[in-house]
Amino acid sequence: MAEIYAPRNPTLNLLPQLPTIFIPEVNGHATPGDNEFILHTDLRFAGPNNKTGAVEVLGGIQLTRLVDPGYATHHLVACDTVDAAEVARIGWVNAACRSAEEARTNAHALAMRLATWPADALAVTEQSTAGIVPGATALQDDTLRLGKLLATSQALLAIAKSLELSENRTDGPFEERLVDDAVLAYE
């Protein structure tokens, strides 16, 4: 199972290393894979329809870079989905916006402001904040832990049950509530 998960990390780990400030606006479900992507970006804006969550160990290292380890542990082990106001309150995103348009406007305005700054200044800022990102060894260790977890018989049964519950669809109700309903896979 580690082989399935491992290819995603190099792509995600590349984001903080690029001399670009990434600013996603999120106004829908940002659960496991989507959440992991936004955790690797620099600044995040959440719209009113945002539901963010993480399942177990996915994104654990990156989440603790943004929020208090107690909050990270709570959300990872509770497998709960939280709204825009909560993710902004604890620092998972930079701001909760009242509308999707406001999130888009804020992200665009910030990007336009950043475009006026010297590229060298942005690159130094990016390098400085990227220094906070866990090193490759920590991320590799996290990937190995996830791989070991996914290789257990209990996890394999849960994966099979998840595929059954989702009817192997990524656009259905089970997937939309994946974080909240993750416990169903263990029943």
Protein backbone atom coordinates (compact mmCIF):
# COMPACT_ATOMS: atom_id res chain seq x y z
CA MET A 1 0.00 0.00 0.00
CA ALA A 2 2.86 2.42 0.61
CA GLU A 3 3.62 2.20 -3.11
CA ILE A 4 0.13 3.49 -3.91
CA TYR A 5 0.44 6.47 -1.58
CA ALA A 6 4.11 7.34 -2.10
CA PRO A 7 3.84 8.77 -5.65
CA ARG A 8 1.54 11.55 -4.39
CA ASN A 9 4.08 12.92 -1.95
CA PRO A 10 6.76 14.05 -4.43
CA THR A 11 4.22 16.18 -6.28
CA LEU A 12 2.77 17.67 -3.11
CA ASN A 13 6.19 18.19 -1.55
CA LEU A 14 7.26 20.11 -4.64
CA LEU A 15 4.72 22.91 -4.02
CA PRO A 16 6.52 24.48 -1.02
CA GLN A 17 9.83 24.31 -2.89
CA LEU A 18 8.66 26.24 -5.95
CA PRO A 19 9.31 30.01 -5.99
CA THR A 20 5.57 30.63 -6.24
CA ILE A 21 3.02 31.58 -3.62
CA PHE A 22 0.05 29.20 -3.95
CA ILE A 23 -3.33 30.60 -2.83
CA PRO A 24 -6.28 28.21 -3.21
CA GLU A 25 -9.85 29.17 -2.52
CA VAL A 26 -11.87 26.29 -1.14
CA ASN A 27 -15.66 26.33 -1.19
CA GLY A 28 -16.59 22.68 -1.09
CA HIS A 29 -15.35 19.46 0.42
CA ALA A 30 -11.63 19.43 1.19
CA THR A 31 -11.24 15.97 2.60
CA PRO A 32 -8.32 13.55 2.45
CA GLY A 33 -6.70 14.20 -0.94
CA ASP A 34 -8.02 17.73 -1.41
CA ASN A 35 -7.13 18.64 2.16
CA GLU A 36 -3.64 17.24 1.73
CA PHE A 37 -3.22 19.44 -1.36
CA ILE A 38 -4.31 22.64 0.40
CA LEU A 39 -2.06 21.83 3.36
CA HIS A 40 0.91 22.08 0.99
CA THR A 41 -0.05 25.57 -0.22
CA ASP A 42 0.99 28.91 1.25
CA LEU A 43 -2.26 30.77 1.93
CA ARG A 44 -5.82 29.46 1.94
CA PHE A 45 -9.28 31.08 1.77
CA ALA A 46 -12.43 29.13 2.66
CA GLY A 47 -15.89 29.91 1.31
CA PRO A 48 -19.14 29.31 3.21
CA ASN A 49 -19.66 25.83 1.72
CA ASN A 50 -16.21 24.63 2.79
CA LYS A 51 -16.12 21.36 4.72
CA THR A 52 -12.57 20.41 5.62
CA GLY A 53 -11.40 17.23 7.26
CA ALA A 54 -8.62 14.71 7.50
CA VAL A 55 -8.70 10.98 8.02
CA GLU A 56 -6.34 9.46 10.55
CA VAL A 57 -2.70 10.04 9.56
CA LEU A 58 -3.26 11.69 6.17
CA GLY A 59 -1.75 15.14 6.25
CA GLY A 60 -0.73 14.92 9.90
CA ILE A 61 2.71 16.44 9.50
CA GLN A 62 1.47 19.29 7.33
CA LEU A 63 -1.54 19.97 9.55
CA THR A 64 0.66 20.40 12.63
CA ARG A 65 2.63 22.99 10.66
CA LEU A 66 -0.53 25.13 10.55
CA VAL A 67 -2.43 24.39 13.75
CA ASP A 68 -1.70 23.48 17.33
CA PRO A 69 -0.73 19.79 17.64
CA GLY A 70 -3.71 19.24 19.97
CA TYR A 71 -6.14 20.51 17.33
CA ALA A 72 -4.38 18.44 14.67
CA THR A 73 -4.55 15.27 16.75
CA HIS A 74 -8.21 15.89 17.57
CA HIS A 75 -9.24 16.36 13.95
CA LEU A 76 -7.10 13.47 12.67
CA VAL A 77 -8.31 10.87 15.17
CA ALA A 78 -11.90 12.12 15.46
CA CYS A 79 -12.26 12.08 11.66
CA ASP A 80 -14.62 15.02 11.79
CA THR A 81 -15.43 17.58 9.13
CA VAL A 82 -15.38 21.21 10.14
CA ASP A 83 -16.77 24.32 8.51
CA ALA A 84 -14.98 27.41 7.22
CA ALA A 85 -15.35 29.37 10.46
CA GLU A 86 -13.70 26.61 12.51
CA VAL A 87 -10.82 25.99 10.11
CA ALA A 88 -10.13 29.73 10.06
CA ARG A 89 -10.37 29.97 13.86
CA ILE A 90 -7.69 27.33 14.39
CA GLY A 91 -5.49 28.43 11.46
CA TRP A 92 -6.14 25.58 9.01
CA VAL A 93 -7.02 28.32 6.49
CA ASN A 94 -6.17 32.02 6.55
CA ALA A 95 -9.72 33.32 6.39
CA ALA A 96 -13.34 32.21 6.26
CA CYS A 97 -15.29 34.19 3.70
CA ARG A 98 -19.03 34.89 3.59
CA SER A 99 -19.33 33.89 -0.07
CA ALA A 100 -17.45 32.03 -2.78
CA GLU A 101 -17.07 35.36 -4.56
CA GLU A 102 -15.47 36.90 -1.46
CA ALA A 103 -13.00 33.99 -1.24
CA ARG A 104 -12.16 34.38 -4.93
CA THR A 105 -11.86 38.17 -4.60
CA ASN A 106 -9.59 37.89 -1.55
CA ALA A 107 -7.35 35.31 -3.22
CA HIS A 108 -7.20 37.36 -6.43
CA ALA A 109 -6.51 40.65 -4.58
CA LEU A 110 -3.70 39.05 -2.61
CA ALA A 111 -2.22 37.49 -5.76
CA MET A 112 -2.35 40.87 -7.52
CA ARG A 113 -0.65 42.54 -4.56
CA LEU A 114 2.07 39.87 -4.51
CA ALA A 115 2.59 40.40 -8.25
CA THR A 116 3.75 43.95 -7.52
CA TRP A 117 6.55 42.81 -5.23
CA PRO A 118 10.04 42.01 -6.50
CA ALA A 119 10.38 38.35 -7.46
CA ASP A 120 13.55 38.09 -5.35
CA ALA A 121 11.69 39.27 -2.24
CA LEU A 122 8.94 36.71 -2.80
CA ALA A 123 11.51 33.96 -3.38
CA VAL A 124 13.29 34.78 -0.11
CA THR A 125 9.97 34.84 1.76
CA GLU A 126 8.98 31.53 0.20
CA GLN A 127 12.34 30.01 1.15
CA SER A 128 12.02 31.32 4.71
CA THR A 129 8.55 29.90 5.24
CA ALA A 130 9.42 26.69 3.39
CA GLY A 131 12.09 26.19 6.06
CA ILE A 132 9.23 25.53 8.48
CA VAL A 133 8.01 22.65 6.32
CA PRO A 134 9.15 19.27 7.65
CA GLY A 135 12.16 17.87 5.86
CA ALA A 136 12.06 15.05 3.35
CA THR A 137 13.01 12.52 6.02
CA ALA A 138 10.02 13.42 8.20
CA LEU A 139 7.68 13.19 5.21
CA GLN A 140 9.21 9.87 4.12
CA ASP A 141 8.82 8.53 7.67
CA ASP A 142 5.17 9.65 7.66
CA THR A 143 4.64 7.92 4.31
CA LEU A 144 6.20 4.71 5.65
CA ARG A 145 3.95 4.84 8.74
CA LEU A 146 0.93 5.29 6.49
CA GLY A 147 2.07 2.42 4.28
CA LYS A 148 2.40 0.13 7.31
CA LEU A 149 -1.03 1.19 8.53
CA LEU A 150 -2.60 0.57 5.12
CA ALA A 151 -1.02 -2.89 4.96
CA THR A 152 -2.77 -4.13 8.11
CA SER A 153 -5.64 -6.54 7.71
CA GLN A 154 -7.98 -4.12 9.49
CA ALA A 155 -7.10 -1.31 7.07
CA LEU A 156 -7.47 -3.57 4.04
CA LEU A 157 -10.94 -4.59 5.26
CA ALA A 158 -11.82 -0.92 5.83
CA ILE A 159 -10.66 -0.03 2.32
CA ALA A 160 -12.78 -2.82 0.85
CA LYS A 161 -15.77 -1.68 2.94
CA SER A 162 -15.21 1.95 1.82
CA LEU A 163 -15.26 0.86 -1.82
CA GLU A 164 -18.47 -1.04 -1.16
CA LEU A 165 -20.12 1.87 0.67
CA SER A 166 -19.08 4.37 -1.99
CA GLU A 167 -20.12 2.03 -4.79
CA ASN A 168 -16.58 2.75 -6.04
CA ARG A 169 -17.63 6.32 -6.92
CA THR A 170 -15.75 9.50 -6.08
CA ASP A 171 -18.74 11.77 -6.59
CA GLY A 172 -21.32 10.13 -4.35
CA PRO A 173 -22.71 10.89 -0.90
CA PHE A 174 -20.28 8.56 0.90
CA GLU A 175 -17.27 10.37 -0.60
CA GLU A 176 -18.75 13.78 0.22
CA ARG A 177 -19.07 12.75 3.86
CA LEU A 178 -15.96 10.56 3.88
CA VAL A 179 -14.35 12.12 6.92
CA ASP A 180 -17.55 12.10 8.98
CA ASP A 181 -18.53 8.61 7.82
CA ALA A 182 -15.06 7.03 7.94
CA VAL A 183 -16.06 5.08 11.03
CA LEU A 184 -18.61 3.18 8.89
CA ALA A 185 -15.74 1.47 7.10
CA TYR A 186 -14.69 -0.15 10.37
CA GLU A 187 -18.12 -1.57 11.24
